[in-house]
Amino acid sequence: MAILIISINFISKKGFEMDALSSRIAFSIAETLKKSIVDRGFANLVVSGGSSPLEIFNCLSQIQIAWHQVLSL
């Protein structure tokens, strides 16, 4: 099981380039989901509400993932 907690507000205050960072975070999430699907046959994705993670979601939508095997909470 992998747990990833990200504070977008903290990251943006540190001056990181959000587009590049969102892409890297999305790639990391996608790789973790894919590994879980291979290992267990499914993956869980728990996300927060609000607009902070929207760019990460946009990046994730561009990555090929077996979404029918992902339970989003």
C-alpha atoms as a PDB file:
ATOM      1  CA  MET A   1       0.000   0.000   0.000  1.00  0.00           C
ATOM      2  CA  ALA A   2       1.274   3.458  -0.823  1.00  0.00           C
ATOM      3  CA  ILE A   3       0.125   6.607   0.877  1.00  0.00           C
ATOM      4  CA  LEU A   4       0.875   9.984  -0.639  1.00  0.00           C
ATOM      5  CA  ILE A   5      -0.171  13.201   1.056  1.00  0.00           C
ATOM      6  CA  ILE A   6       0.446  16.435  -0.811  1.00  0.00           C
ATOM      7  CA  SER A   7      -0.150  19.971   0.334  1.00  0.00           C
ATOM      8  CA  ILE A   8      -0.475  22.042  -2.830  1.00  0.00           C
ATOM      9  CA  ASN A   9      -0.649  25.262  -0.810  1.00  0.00           C
ATOM     10  CA  PHE A  10       2.682  24.463   0.873  1.00  0.00           C
ATOM     11  CA  ILE A  11       4.285  23.566  -2.446  1.00  0.00           C
ATOM     12  CA  SER A  12       3.083  26.712  -4.195  1.00  0.00           C
ATOM     13  CA  LYS A  13       4.355  28.882  -1.345  1.00  0.00           C
ATOM     14  CA  LYS A  14       7.822  27.369  -1.803  1.00  0.00           C
ATOM     15  CA  GLY A  15       7.921  28.662  -5.380  1.00  0.00           C
ATOM     16  CA  PHE A  16       7.931  25.394  -7.306  1.00  0.00           C
ATOM     17  CA  GLU A  17       6.792  25.487 -10.928  1.00  0.00           C
ATOM     18  CA  MET A  18       3.285  24.065 -10.619  1.00  0.00           C
ATOM     19  CA  ASP A  19       2.882  22.679 -14.165  1.00  0.00           C
ATOM     20  CA  ALA A  20       6.033  20.579 -14.015  1.00  0.00           C
ATOM     21  CA  LEU A  21       5.362  19.548 -10.438  1.00  0.00           C
ATOM     22  CA  SER A  22       1.749  18.565 -11.178  1.00  0.00           C
ATOM     23  CA  SER A  23       2.948  16.429 -14.053  1.00  0.00           C
ATOM     24  CA  ARG A  24       5.535  14.658 -11.885  1.00  0.00           C
ATOM     25  CA  ILE A  25       3.006  14.086  -9.103  1.00  0.00           C
ATOM     26  CA  ALA A  26       0.449  12.711 -11.581  1.00  0.00           C
ATOM     27  CA  PHE A  27       3.062  10.361 -13.034  1.00  0.00           C
ATOM     28  CA  SER A  28       3.953   9.108  -9.546  1.00  0.00           C
ATOM     29  CA  ILE A  29       0.290   8.564  -8.667  1.00  0.00           C
ATOM     30  CA  ALA A  30      -0.286   6.757 -11.975  1.00  0.00           C
ATOM     31  CA  GLU A  31       2.675   4.428 -11.422  1.00  0.00           C
ATOM     32  CA  THR A  32       1.436   3.613  -7.915  1.00  0.00           C
ATOM     33  CA  LEU A  33      -2.094   2.914  -9.209  1.00  0.00           C
ATOM     34  CA  LYS A  34      -0.764   0.707 -12.015  1.00  0.00           C
ATOM     35  CA  LYS A  35       1.404  -1.279  -9.583  1.00  0.00           C
ATOM     36  CA  SER A  36      -1.542  -1.801  -7.271  1.00  0.00           C
ATOM     37  CA  ILE A  37      -3.704  -2.988 -10.182  1.00  0.00           C
ATOM     38  CA  VAL A  38      -1.036  -5.496 -11.213  1.00  0.00           C
ATOM     39  CA  ASP A  39      -0.422  -6.691  -7.643  1.00  0.00           C
ATOM     40  CA  ARG A  40      -3.999  -6.759  -6.322  1.00  0.00           C
ATOM     41  CA  GLY A  41      -6.269  -6.408  -9.341  1.00  0.00           C
ATOM     42  CA  PHE A  42      -7.535  -3.000  -8.227  1.00  0.00           C
ATOM     43  CA  ALA A  43      -6.390   0.299  -6.741  1.00  0.00           C
ATOM     44  CA  ASN A  44      -7.872   2.863  -4.381  1.00  0.00           C
ATOM     45  CA  LEU A  45      -7.478   6.587  -4.952  1.00  0.00           C
ATOM     46  CA  VAL A  46      -8.555   8.959  -2.209  1.00  0.00           C
ATOM     47  CA  VAL A  47      -8.576  12.632  -3.121  1.00  0.00           C
ATOM     48  CA  SER A  48      -9.509  15.860  -1.426  1.00  0.00           C
ATOM     49  CA  GLY A  49     -12.085  18.285  -2.651  1.00  0.00           C
ATOM     50  CA  GLY A  50     -11.454  21.822  -3.744  1.00  0.00           C
ATOM     51  CA  SER A  51      -9.615  23.263  -6.687  1.00  0.00           C
ATOM     52  CA  SER A  52      -6.023  22.712  -5.547  1.00  0.00           C
ATOM     53  CA  PRO A  53      -5.539  19.274  -7.154  1.00  0.00           C
ATOM     54  CA  LEU A  54      -7.273  20.133 -10.461  1.00  0.00           C
ATOM     55  CA  GLU A  55      -4.028  20.395 -12.455  1.00  0.00           C
ATOM     56  CA  ILE A  56      -2.900  17.026 -11.098  1.00  0.00           C
ATOM     57  CA  PHE A  57      -6.251  15.524 -12.148  1.00  0.00           C
ATOM     58  CA  ASN A  58      -5.849  17.063 -15.596  1.00  0.00           C
ATOM     59  CA  CYS A  59      -2.415  15.472 -15.926  1.00  0.00           C
ATOM     60  CA  LEU A  60      -3.736  12.123 -14.658  1.00  0.00           C
ATOM     61  CA  SER A  61      -6.462  12.169 -17.289  1.00  0.00           C
ATOM     62  CA  GLN A  62      -3.775  12.161 -19.983  1.00  0.00           C
ATOM     63  CA  ILE A  63      -2.139   8.973 -18.636  1.00  0.00           C
ATOM     64  CA  GLN A  64      -3.412   5.578 -19.717  1.00  0.00           C
ATOM     65  CA  ILE A  65      -4.682   3.811 -16.593  1.00  0.00           C
ATOM     66  CA  ALA A  66      -7.239   1.027 -16.217  1.00  0.00           C
ATOM     67  CA  TRP A  67      -9.653   3.428 -14.496  1.00  0.00           C
ATOM     68  CA  HIS A  68     -12.359   0.755 -14.307  1.00  0.00           C
ATOM     69  CA  GLN A  69     -10.080  -0.966 -11.772  1.00  0.00           C
ATOM     70  CA  VAL A  70      -9.612   2.166  -9.653  1.00  0.00           C
ATOM     71  CA  LEU A  71     -11.984   2.992  -6.811  1.00  0.00           C
ATOM     72  CA  SER A  72     -12.001   6.749  -6.217  1.00  0.00           C
ATOM     73  CA  LEU A  73     -13.092   8.049  -2.840  1.00  0.00           C
END
